[in-house]
Amino acid sequence: MPKLKGKHTDGRLVSVLVPMRDEEKNVPGLISSLKTITYENVEIILLDDGSSDCTNHVASELIKDDQRFTLIKGIQLPEGWVGKVHACHLLSKEAKGDFLFFS
């Protein structure tokens, strides 16, 4: 994720949307990187898509003091859908931004 110097905003909300499944080992680096975003009007929505490890717990602990972050849980996969596509769909429904960035 590119680093920008200083504070940046043009008023429009940017949604950064991240589907995760069994990413316990990668979550600390991911969240650390996302926390470097300096654009002021940003929401970061993480979706735990049925992880069998501690992804949800690790993410919850790392984002609890940063109001830009929201952590949601995925729902059961409907017939005819595939995992990541469904996770991204759920994230897009949750997002409020003018721009949606999927990671």
PDB file of N, CA and C in Angstrom:
ATOM      1  N   MET A   1       0.848  -1.158   0.000  1.00  0.00           N
ATOM      2  CA  MET A   1       0.000   0.000   0.000  1.00  0.00           C
ATOM      3  C   MET A   1       0.902   1.232   0.000  1.00  0.00           C
ATOM      4  N   PRO A   2       0.692   2.188  -0.926  1.00  0.00           N
ATOM      5  CA  PRO A   2       1.569   3.353  -0.985  1.00  0.00           C
ATOM      6  C   PRO A   2       1.406   4.246   0.242  1.00  0.00           C
ATOM      7  N   LYS A   3       2.512   4.812   0.667  1.00  0.00           N
ATOM      8  CA  LYS A   3       2.478   5.755   1.786  1.00  0.00           C
ATOM      9  C   LYS A   3       2.395   7.160   1.216  1.00  0.00           C
ATOM     10  N   LEU A   4       1.504   7.965   1.788  1.00  0.00           N
ATOM     11  CA  LEU A   4       1.394   9.361   1.420  1.00  0.00           C
ATOM     12  C   LEU A   4       1.927  10.193   2.577  1.00  0.00           C
ATOM     13  N   LYS A   5       2.596  11.268   2.268  1.00  0.00           N
ATOM     14  CA  LYS A   5       3.121  12.125   3.324  1.00  0.00           C
ATOM     15  C   LYS A   5       2.079  13.171   3.681  1.00  0.00           C
ATOM     16  N   GLY A   6       1.953  13.446   4.970  1.00  0.00           N
ATOM     17  CA  GLY A   6       1.019  14.459   5.432  1.00  0.00           C
ATOM     18  C   GLY A   6      -0.417  13.948   5.426  1.00  0.00           C
ATOM     19  N   LYS A   7      -1.327  14.849   5.680  1.00  0.00           N
ATOM     20  CA  LYS A   7      -2.755  14.511   5.710  1.00  0.00           C
ATOM     21  C   LYS A   7      -3.346  14.807   4.340  1.00  0.00           C
ATOM     22  N   HIS A   8      -4.177  13.889   3.853  1.00  0.00           N
ATOM     23  CA  HIS A   8      -4.778  14.048   2.537  1.00  0.00           C
ATOM     24  C   HIS A   8      -6.275  13.787   2.632  1.00  0.00           C
ATOM     25  N   THR A   9      -7.060  14.637   1.995  1.00  0.00           N
ATOM     26  CA  THR A   9      -8.490  14.388   1.887  1.00  0.00           C
ATOM     27  C   THR A   9      -9.071  15.303   0.822  1.00  0.00           C
ATOM     28  N   ASP A  10     -10.036  14.830   0.105  1.00  0.00           N
ATOM     29  CA  ASP A  10     -10.783  15.689  -0.808  1.00  0.00           C
ATOM     30  C   ASP A  10     -12.262  15.645  -0.439  1.00  0.00           C
ATOM     31  N   GLY A  11     -12.560  15.084   0.744  1.00  0.00           N
ATOM     32  CA  GLY A  11     -13.926  15.062   1.245  1.00  0.00           C
ATOM     33  C   GLY A  11     -14.697  13.796   0.932  1.00  0.00           C
ATOM     34  N   ARG A  12     -14.309  13.070  -0.096  1.00  0.00           N
ATOM     35  CA  ARG A  12     -15.052  11.861  -0.460  1.00  0.00           C
ATOM     36  C   ARG A  12     -14.570  10.682   0.361  1.00  0.00           C
ATOM     37  N   LEU A  13     -15.529   9.855   0.782  1.00  0.00           N
ATOM     38  CA  LEU A  13     -15.201   8.699   1.605  1.00  0.00           C
ATOM     39  C   LEU A  13     -14.638   7.571   0.747  1.00  0.00           C
ATOM     40  N   VAL A  14     -13.544   7.013   1.213  1.00  0.00           N
ATOM     41  CA  VAL A  14     -12.904   5.867   0.574  1.00  0.00           C
ATOM     42  C   VAL A  14     -13.103   4.657   1.479  1.00  0.00           C
ATOM     43  N   SER A  15     -13.588   3.561   0.913  1.00  0.00           N
ATOM     44  CA  SER A  15     -13.759   2.304   1.650  1.00  0.00           C
ATOM     45  C   SER A  15     -12.686   1.327   1.205  1.00  0.00           C
ATOM     46  N   VAL A  16     -11.893   0.857   2.163  1.00  0.00           N
ATOM     47  CA  VAL A  16     -10.899  -0.184   1.911  1.00  0.00           C
ATOM     48  C   VAL A  16     -11.509  -1.475   2.453  1.00  0.00           C
ATOM     49  N   LEU A  17     -11.681  -2.460   1.580  1.00  0.00           N
ATOM     50  CA  LEU A  17     -12.440  -3.675   1.901  1.00  0.00           C
ATOM     51  C   LEU A  17     -11.537  -4.892   1.794  1.00  0.00           C
ATOM     52  N   VAL A  18     -11.470  -5.658   2.893  1.00  0.00           N
ATOM     53  CA  VAL A  18     -10.509  -6.758   2.961  1.00  0.00           C
ATOM     54  C   VAL A  18     -11.196  -8.049   3.404  1.00  0.00           C
ATOM     55  N   PRO A  19     -11.366  -9.005   2.479  1.00  0.00           N
ATOM     56  CA  PRO A  19     -11.863 -10.321   2.886  1.00  0.00           C
ATOM     57  C   PRO A  19     -10.709 -11.141   3.465  1.00  0.00           C
ATOM     58  N   MET A  20     -10.973 -11.862   4.555  1.00  0.00           N
ATOM     59  CA  MET A  20      -9.929 -12.665   5.190  1.00  0.00           C
ATOM     60  C   MET A  20     -10.489 -14.036   5.553  1.00  0.00           C
ATOM     61  N   ARG A  21      -9.664 -15.035   5.363  1.00  0.00           N
ATOM     62  CA  ARG A  21     -10.008 -16.382   5.818  1.00  0.00           C
ATOM     63  C   ARG A  21      -8.721 -17.082   6.229  1.00  0.00           C
ATOM     64  N   ASP A  22      -8.670 -17.483   7.480  1.00  0.00           N
ATOM     65  CA  ASP A  22      -7.487 -18.160   8.026  1.00  0.00           C
ATOM     66  C   ASP A  22      -6.204 -17.368   7.748  1.00  0.00           C
ATOM     67  N   GLU A  23      -6.227 -16.110   8.141  1.00  0.00           N
ATOM     68  CA  GLU A  23      -5.103 -15.191   7.914  1.00  0.00           C
ATOM     69  C   GLU A  23      -4.429 -14.752   9.211  1.00  0.00           C
ATOM     70  N   GLU A  24      -4.573 -15.562  10.251  1.00  0.00           N
ATOM     71  CA  GLU A  24      -4.034 -15.217  11.567  1.00  0.00           C
ATOM     72  C   GLU A  24      -2.588 -14.715  11.506  1.00  0.00           C
ATOM     73  N   LYS A  25      -1.748 -15.359  10.735  1.00  0.00           N
ATOM     74  CA  LYS A  25      -0.331 -14.991  10.670  1.00  0.00           C
ATOM     75  C   LYS A  25      -0.096 -13.712   9.867  1.00  0.00           C
ATOM     76  N   ASN A  26      -1.013 -13.394   8.955  1.00  0.00           N
ATOM     77  CA  ASN A  26      -0.844 -12.228   8.087  1.00  0.00           C
ATOM     78  C   ASN A  26      -1.534 -10.972   8.610  1.00  0.00           C
ATOM     79  N   VAL A  27      -2.478 -11.128   9.534  1.00  0.00           N
ATOM     80  CA  VAL A  27      -3.272 -10.003  10.018  1.00  0.00           C
ATOM     81  C   VAL A  27      -2.426  -8.904  10.662  1.00  0.00           C
ATOM     82  N   PRO A  28      -1.443  -9.209  11.507  1.00  0.00           N
ATOM     83  CA  PRO A  28      -0.667  -8.116  12.109  1.00  0.00           C
ATOM     84  C   PRO A  28       0.006  -7.213  11.060  1.00  0.00           C
ATOM     85  N   GLY A  29       0.621  -7.801  10.060  1.00  0.00           N
ATOM     86  CA  GLY A  29       1.261  -7.002   9.012  1.00  0.00           C
ATOM     87  C   GLY A  29       0.252  -6.222   8.193  1.00  0.00           C
ATOM     88  N   LEU A  30      -0.863  -6.855   7.882  1.00  0.00           N
ATOM     89  CA  LEU A  30      -1.924  -6.202   7.114  1.00  0.00           C
ATOM     90  C   LEU A  30      -2.431  -4.973   7.854  1.00  0.00           C
ATOM     91  N   ILE A  31      -2.803  -5.147   9.108  1.00  0.00           N
ATOM     92  CA  ILE A  31      -3.375  -4.041   9.871  1.00  0.00           C
ATOM     93  C   ILE A  31      -2.335  -2.959  10.111  1.00  0.00           C
ATOM     94  N   SER A  32      -1.117  -3.345  10.372  1.00  0.00           N
ATOM     95  CA  SER A  32      -0.042  -2.367  10.535  1.00  0.00           C
ATOM     96  C   SER A  32       0.095  -1.512   9.278  1.00  0.00           C
ATOM     97  N   SER A  33       0.045  -2.128   8.127  1.00  0.00           N
ATOM     98  CA  SER A  33       0.129  -1.403   6.862  1.00  0.00           C
ATOM     99  C   SER A  33      -1.078  -0.491   6.651  1.00  0.00           C
ATOM    100  N   LEU A  34      -2.269  -1.007   6.934  1.00  0.00           N
ATOM    101  CA  LEU A  34      -3.482  -0.205   6.749  1.00  0.00           C
ATOM    102  C   LEU A  34      -3.512   0.995   7.689  1.00  0.00           C
ATOM    103  N   LYS A  35      -2.934   0.858   8.860  1.00  0.00           N
ATOM    104  CA  LYS A  35      -2.914   1.967   9.815  1.00  0.00           C
ATOM    105  C   LYS A  35      -2.046   3.126   9.347  1.00  0.00           C
ATOM    106  N   THR A  36      -1.199   2.918   8.349  1.00  0.00           N
ATOM    107  CA  THR A  36      -0.360   4.002   7.835  1.00  0.00           C
ATOM    108  C   THR A  36      -1.108   4.897   6.849  1.00  0.00           C
ATOM    109  N   ILE A  37      -2.328   4.551   6.492  1.00  0.00           N
ATOM    110  CA  ILE A  37      -3.109   5.382   5.576  1.00  0.00           C
ATOM    111  C   ILE A  37      -3.340   6.739   6.230  1.00  0.00           C
ATOM    112  N   THR A  38      -3.014   7.801   5.515  1.00  0.00           N
ATOM    113  CA  THR A  38      -3.166   9.146   6.059  1.00  0.00           C
ATOM    114  C   THR A  38      -4.360   9.890   5.479  1.00  0.00           C
ATOM    115  N   TYR A  39      -4.994   9.328   4.475  1.00  0.00           N
ATOM    116  CA  TYR A  39      -6.199   9.949   3.939  1.00  0.00           C
ATOM    117  C   TYR A  39      -7.225   9.994   5.064  1.00  0.00           C
ATOM    118  N   GLU A  40      -7.779  11.158   5.344  1.00  0.00           N
ATOM    119  CA  GLU A  40      -8.611  11.338   6.535  1.00  0.00           C
ATOM    120  C   GLU A  40     -10.010  10.746   6.434  1.00  0.00           C
ATOM    121  N   ASN A  41     -10.579  10.689   5.262  1.00  0.00           N
ATOM    122  CA  ASN A  41     -11.961  10.243   5.122  1.00  0.00           C
ATOM    123  C   ASN A  41     -11.986   8.808   4.586  1.00  0.00           C
ATOM    124  N   VAL A  42     -11.573   7.883   5.443  1.00  0.00           N
ATOM    125  CA  VAL A  42     -11.451   6.484   5.046  1.00  0.00           C
ATOM    126  C   VAL A  42     -12.137   5.588   6.072  1.00  0.00           C
ATOM    127  N   GLU A  43     -12.751   4.532   5.566  1.00  0.00           N
ATOM    128  CA  GLU A  43     -13.237   3.452   6.425  1.00  0.00           C
ATOM    129  C   GLU A  43     -12.552   2.186   5.940  1.00  0.00           C
ATOM    130  N   ILE A  44     -12.199   1.333   6.884  1.00  0.00           N
ATOM    131  CA  ILE A  44     -11.527   0.078   6.548  1.00  0.00           C
ATOM    132  C   ILE A  44     -12.389  -1.032   7.122  1.00  0.00           C
ATOM    133  N   ILE A  45     -12.927  -1.850   6.233  1.00  0.00           N
ATOM    134  CA  ILE A  45     -13.817  -2.923   6.666  1.00  0.00           C
ATOM    135  C   ILE A  45     -13.141  -4.257   6.389  1.00  0.00           C
ATOM    136  N   LEU A  46     -12.967  -5.024   7.459  1.00  0.00           N
ATOM    137  CA  LEU A  46     -12.390  -6.357   7.378  1.00  0.00           C
ATOM    138  C   LEU A  46     -13.513  -7.365   7.534  1.00  0.00           C
ATOM    139  N   LEU A  47     -13.501  -8.407   6.729  1.00  0.00           N
ATOM    140  CA  LEU A  47     -14.504  -9.463   6.836  1.00  0.00           C
ATOM    141  C   LEU A  47     -13.819 -10.773   7.145  1.00  0.00           C
ATOM    142  N   ASP A  48     -14.175 -11.359   8.272  1.00  0.00           N
ATOM    143  CA  ASP A  48     -13.684 -12.698   8.610  1.00  0.00           C
ATOM    144  C   ASP A  48     -14.649 -13.686   7.974  1.00  0.00           C
ATOM    145  N   ASP A  49     -14.176 -14.366   6.960  1.00  0.00           N
ATOM    146  CA  ASP A  49     -15.021 -15.256   6.159  1.00  0.00           C
ATOM    147  C   ASP A  49     -14.903 -16.708   6.628  1.00  0.00           C
ATOM    148  N   GLY A  50     -15.323 -16.943   7.874  1.00  0.00           N
ATOM    149  CA  GLY A  50     -15.368 -18.304   8.389  1.00  0.00           C
ATOM    150  C   GLY A  50     -14.023 -18.895   8.742  1.00  0.00           C
ATOM    151  N   SER A  51     -13.129 -18.084   9.251  1.00  0.00           N
ATOM    152  CA  SER A  51     -11.793 -18.580   9.611  1.00  0.00           C
ATOM    153  C   SER A  51     -11.878 -19.660  10.687  1.00  0.00           C
ATOM    154  N   SER A  52     -10.983 -20.645  10.563  1.00  0.00           N
ATOM    155  CA  SER A  52     -10.906 -21.714  11.565  1.00  0.00           C
ATOM    156  C   SER A  52      -9.728 -21.489  12.517  1.00  0.00           C
ATOM    157  N   ASP A  53      -8.984 -20.418  12.297  1.00  0.00           N
ATOM    158  CA  ASP A  53      -7.880 -20.073  13.185  1.00  0.00           C
ATOM    159  C   ASP A  53      -8.288 -18.852  14.021  1.00  0.00           C
ATOM    160  N   CYS A  54      -7.335 -18.098  14.500  1.00  0.00           N
ATOM    161  CA  CYS A  54      -7.623 -16.953  15.375  1.00  0.00           C
ATOM    162  C   CYS A  54      -7.642 -15.613  14.637  1.00  0.00           C
ATOM    163  N   THR A  55      -7.937 -15.642  13.346  1.00  0.00           N
ATOM    164  CA  THR A  55      -7.982 -14.413  12.550  1.00  0.00           C
ATOM    165  C   THR A  55      -8.856 -13.353  13.206  1.00  0.00           C
ATOM    166  N   ASN A  56     -10.063 -13.718  13.583  1.00  0.00           N
ATOM    167  CA  ASN A  56     -11.008 -12.762  14.147  1.00  0.00           C
ATOM    168  C   ASN A  56     -10.477 -12.152  15.436  1.00  0.00           C
ATOM    169  N   HIS A  57      -9.970 -12.981  16.318  1.00  0.00           N
ATOM    170  CA  HIS A  57      -9.466 -12.498  17.606  1.00  0.00           C
ATOM    171  C   HIS A  57      -8.270 -11.563  17.419  1.00  0.00           C
ATOM    172  N   VAL A  58      -7.322 -11.970  16.583  1.00  0.00           N
ATOM    173  CA  VAL A  58      -6.125 -11.160  16.354  1.00  0.00           C
ATOM    174  C   VAL A  58      -6.517  -9.813  15.747  1.00  0.00           C
ATOM    175  N   ALA A  59      -7.377  -9.837  14.740  1.00  0.00           N
ATOM    176  CA  ALA A  59      -7.816  -8.594  14.099  1.00  0.00           C
ATOM    177  C   ALA A  59      -8.544  -7.700  15.097  1.00  0.00           C
ATOM    178  N   SER A  60      -9.433  -8.273  15.881  1.00  0.00           N
ATOM    179  CA  SER A  60     -10.191  -7.496  16.874  1.00  0.00           C
ATOM    180  C   SER A  60      -9.265  -6.756  17.831  1.00  0.00           C
ATOM    181  N   GLU A  61      -8.265  -7.446  18.312  1.00  0.00           N
ATOM    182  CA  GLU A  61      -7.325  -6.839  19.260  1.00  0.00           C
ATOM    183  C   GLU A  61      -6.525  -5.702  18.618  1.00  0.00           C
ATOM    184  N   LEU A  62      -6.132  -5.889  17.362  1.00  0.00           N
ATOM    185  CA  LEU A  62      -5.270  -4.906  16.702  1.00  0.00           C
ATOM    186  C   LEU A  62      -6.012  -3.656  16.244  1.00  0.00           C
ATOM    187  N   ILE A  63      -7.320  -3.741  16.063  1.00  0.00           N
ATOM    188  CA  ILE A  63      -8.075  -2.586  15.550  1.00  0.00           C
ATOM    189  C   ILE A  63      -8.915  -1.890  16.621  1.00  0.00           C
ATOM    190  N   LYS A  64      -8.940  -2.398  17.824  1.00  0.00           N
ATOM    191  CA  LYS A  64      -9.891  -1.912  18.826  1.00  0.00           C
ATOM    192  C   LYS A  64      -9.745  -0.431  19.164  1.00  0.00           C
ATOM    193  N   ASP A  65      -8.589   0.158  18.965  1.00  0.00           N
ATOM    194  CA  ASP A  65      -8.395   1.575  19.284  1.00  0.00           C
ATOM    195  C   ASP A  65      -8.384   2.476  18.053  1.00  0.00           C
ATOM    196  N   ASP A  66      -8.789   1.959  16.923  1.00  0.00           N
ATOM    197  CA  ASP A  66      -8.769   2.742  15.681  1.00  0.00           C
ATOM    198  C   ASP A  66     -10.170   2.737  15.075  1.00  0.00           C
ATOM    199  N   GLN A  67     -10.862   3.861  15.169  1.00  0.00           N
ATOM    200  CA  GLN A  67     -12.254   3.943  14.737  1.00  0.00           C
ATOM    201  C   GLN A  67     -12.448   3.845  13.233  1.00  0.00           C
ATOM    202  N   ARG A  68     -11.373   3.886  12.456  1.00  0.00           N
ATOM    203  CA  ARG A  68     -11.500   3.727  11.010  1.00  0.00           C
ATOM    204  C   ARG A  68     -11.837   2.288  10.636  1.00  0.00           C
ATOM    205  N   PHE A  69     -11.573   1.349  11.538  1.00  0.00           N
ATOM    206  CA  PHE A  69     -11.739  -0.072  11.255  1.00  0.00           C
ATOM    207  C   PHE A  69     -13.077  -0.611  11.746  1.00  0.00           C
ATOM    208  N   THR A  70     -13.623  -1.521  10.954  1.00  0.00           N
ATOM    209  CA  THR A  70     -14.790  -2.313  11.332  1.00  0.00           C
ATOM    210  C   THR A  70     -14.474  -3.756  10.962  1.00  0.00           C
ATOM    211  N   LEU A  71     -14.832  -4.674  11.828  1.00  0.00           N
ATOM    212  CA  LEU A  71     -14.641  -6.105  11.561  1.00  0.00           C
ATOM    213  C   LEU A  71     -16.013  -6.758  11.548  1.00  0.00           C
ATOM    214  N   ILE A  72     -16.333  -7.413  10.434  1.00  0.00           N
ATOM    215  CA  ILE A  72     -17.607  -8.115  10.323  1.00  0.00           C
ATOM    216  C   ILE A  72     -17.342  -9.593  10.059  1.00  0.00           C
ATOM    217  N   LYS A  73     -18.358 -10.402  10.343  1.00  0.00           N
ATOM    218  CA  LYS A  73     -18.253 -11.843  10.085  1.00  0.00           C
ATOM    219  C   LYS A  73     -19.056 -12.181   8.840  1.00  0.00           C
ATOM    220  N   GLY A  74     -18.503 -13.076   8.047  1.00  0.00           N
ATOM    221  CA  GLY A  74     -19.207 -13.546   6.862  1.00  0.00           C
ATOM    222  C   GLY A  74     -20.397 -14.411   7.240  1.00  0.00           C
ATOM    223  N   ILE A  75     -21.250 -14.630   6.272  1.00  0.00           N
ATOM    224  CA  ILE A  75     -22.401 -15.506   6.467  1.00  0.00           C
ATOM    225  C   ILE A  75     -22.228 -16.728   5.585  1.00  0.00           C
ATOM    226  N   GLN A  76     -23.063 -17.722   5.820  1.00  0.00           N
ATOM    227  CA  GLN A  76     -22.963 -18.958   5.050  1.00  0.00           C
ATOM    228  C   GLN A  76     -23.091 -18.669   3.556  1.00  0.00           C
ATOM    229  N   LEU A  77     -22.291 -19.358   2.797  1.00  0.00           N
ATOM    230  CA  LEU A  77     -22.229 -19.173   1.356  1.00  0.00           C
ATOM    231  C   LEU A  77     -23.521 -19.647   0.693  1.00  0.00           C
ATOM    232  N   PRO A  78     -24.233 -18.748  -0.004  1.00  0.00           N
ATOM    233  CA  PRO A  78     -25.447 -19.169  -0.699  1.00  0.00           C
ATOM    234  C   PRO A  78     -25.118 -20.077  -1.886  1.00  0.00           C
ATOM    235  N   GLU A  79     -26.070 -20.880  -2.271  1.00  0.00           N
ATOM    236  CA  GLU A  79     -25.885 -21.774  -3.414  1.00  0.00           C
ATOM    237  C   GLU A  79     -25.576 -20.949  -4.662  1.00  0.00           C
ATOM    238  N   GLY A  80     -24.593 -21.406  -5.414  1.00  0.00           N
ATOM    239  CA  GLY A  80     -24.228 -20.741  -6.656  1.00  0.00           C
ATOM    240  C   GLY A  80     -23.136 -19.681  -6.502  1.00  0.00           C
ATOM    241  N   TRP A  81     -22.751 -19.362  -5.287  1.00  0.00           N
ATOM    242  CA  TRP A  81     -21.710 -18.380  -5.052  1.00  0.00           C
ATOM    243  C   TRP A  81     -20.391 -19.080  -4.759  1.00  0.00           C
ATOM    244  N   VAL A  82     -19.282 -18.374  -5.029  1.00  0.00           N
ATOM    245  CA  VAL A  82     -17.974 -18.859  -4.613  1.00  0.00           C
ATOM    246  C   VAL A  82     -17.458 -17.938  -3.515  1.00  0.00           C
ATOM    247  N   GLY A  83     -16.553 -18.443  -2.699  1.00  0.00           N
ATOM    248  CA  GLY A  83     -16.141 -17.786  -1.464  1.00  0.00           C
ATOM    249  C   GLY A  83     -15.708 -16.337  -1.563  1.00  0.00           C
ATOM    250  N   LYS A  84     -14.635 -16.059  -2.295  1.00  0.00           N
ATOM    251  CA  LYS A  84     -14.099 -14.690  -2.297  1.00  0.00           C
ATOM    252  C   LYS A  84     -15.062 -13.712  -2.950  1.00  0.00           C
ATOM    253  N   VAL A  85     -15.744 -14.147  -3.987  1.00  0.00           N
ATOM    254  CA  VAL A  85     -16.716 -13.279  -4.651  1.00  0.00           C
ATOM    255  C   VAL A  85     -17.833 -12.904  -3.675  1.00  0.00           C
ATOM    256  N   HIS A  86     -18.300 -13.880  -2.924  1.00  0.00           N
ATOM    257  CA  HIS A  86     -19.354 -13.621  -1.947  1.00  0.00           C
ATOM    258  C   HIS A  86     -18.846 -12.701  -0.838  1.00  0.00           C
ATOM    259  N   ALA A  87     -17.649 -12.925  -0.357  1.00  0.00           N
ATOM    260  CA  ALA A  87     -17.072 -12.075   0.680  1.00  0.00           C
ATOM    261  C   ALA A  87     -16.967 -10.629   0.192  1.00  0.00           C
ATOM    262  N   CYS A  88     -16.520 -10.435  -1.029  1.00  0.00           N
ATOM    263  CA  CYS A  88     -16.414  -9.082  -1.590  1.00  0.00           C
ATOM    264  C   CYS A  88     -17.794  -8.444  -1.752  1.00  0.00           C
ATOM    265  N   HIS A  89     -18.769  -9.245  -2.126  1.00  0.00           N
ATOM    266  CA  HIS A  89     -20.145  -8.749  -2.237  1.00  0.00           C
ATOM    267  C   HIS A  89     -20.640  -8.254  -0.871  1.00  0.00           C
ATOM    268  N   LEU A  90     -20.416  -9.047   0.173  1.00  0.00           N
ATOM    269  CA  LEU A  90     -20.826  -8.644   1.522  1.00  0.00           C
ATOM    270  C   LEU A  90     -20.126  -7.359   1.943  1.00  0.00           C
ATOM    271  N   LEU A  91     -18.847  -7.267   1.661  1.00  0.00           N
ATOM    272  CA  LEU A  91     -18.097  -6.055   1.987  1.00  0.00           C
ATOM    273  C   LEU A  91     -18.657  -4.841   1.251  1.00  0.00           C
ATOM    274  N   SER A  92     -18.964  -4.999  -0.025  1.00  0.00           N
ATOM    275  CA  SER A  92     -19.480  -3.866  -0.805  1.00  0.00           C
ATOM    276  C   SER A  92     -20.832  -3.394  -0.273  1.00  0.00           C
ATOM    277  N   LYS A  93     -21.639  -4.321   0.251  1.00  0.00           N
ATOM    278  CA  LYS A  93     -22.929  -3.940   0.827  1.00  0.00           C
ATOM    279  C   LYS A  93     -22.751  -3.166   2.129  1.00  0.00           C
ATOM    280  N   GLU A  94     -21.695  -3.426   2.842  1.00  0.00           N
ATOM    281  CA  GLU A  94     -21.407  -2.784   4.121  1.00  0.00           C
ATOM    282  C   GLU A  94     -20.771  -1.401   3.938  1.00  0.00           C
ATOM    283  N   ALA A  95     -20.083  -1.222   2.814  1.00  0.00           N
ATOM    284  CA  ALA A  95     -19.312  -0.001   2.565  1.00  0.00           C
ATOM    285  C   ALA A  95     -20.215   1.208   2.322  1.00  0.00           C
ATOM    286  N   LYS A  96     -19.719   2.356   2.770  1.00  0.00           N
ATOM    287  CA  LYS A  96     -20.438   3.607   2.586  1.00  0.00           C
ATOM    288  C   LYS A  96     -19.671   4.564   1.660  1.00  0.00           C
ATOM    289  N   GLY A  97     -18.516   4.145   1.200  1.00  0.00           N
ATOM    290  CA  GLY A  97     -17.617   5.033   0.456  1.00  0.00           C
ATOM    291  C   GLY A  97     -18.055   5.370  -0.946  1.00  0.00           C
ATOM    292  N   ASP A  98     -17.496   6.481  -1.430  1.00  0.00           N
ATOM    293  CA  ASP A  98     -17.659   6.884  -2.832  1.00  0.00           C
ATOM    294  C   ASP A  98     -16.770   6.032  -3.726  1.00  0.00           C
ATOM    295  N   PHE A  99     -15.682   5.538  -3.150  1.00  0.00           N
ATOM    296  CA  PHE A  99     -14.743   4.689  -3.861  1.00  0.00           C
ATOM    297  C   PHE A  99     -14.534   3.428  -3.031  1.00  0.00           C
ATOM    298  N   LEU A 100     -14.530   2.282  -3.671  1.00  0.00           N
ATOM    299  CA  LEU A 100     -14.321   1.010  -2.996  1.00  0.00           C
ATOM    300  C   LEU A 100     -13.007   0.405  -3.489  1.00  0.00           C
ATOM    301  N   PHE A 101     -12.128   0.102  -2.550  1.00  0.00           N
ATOM    302  CA  PHE A 101     -10.856  -0.559  -2.874  1.00  0.00           C
ATOM    303  C   PHE A 101     -10.828  -1.907  -2.187  1.00  0.00           C
ATOM    304  N   PHE A 102     -10.678  -2.955  -2.972  1.00  0.00           N
ATOM    305  CA  PHE A 102     -10.628  -4.312  -2.444  1.00  0.00           C
ATOM    306  C   PHE A 102      -9.171  -4.738  -2.346  1.00  0.00           C
ATOM    307  N   SER A 103      -8.832  -5.346  -1.227  1.00  0.00           N
ATOM    308  CA  SER A 103      -7.465  -5.803  -1.037  1.00  0.00           C
ATOM    309  C   SER A 103      -7.438  -7.306  -1.016  1.00  0.00           C
TER     310      SER A 103
END
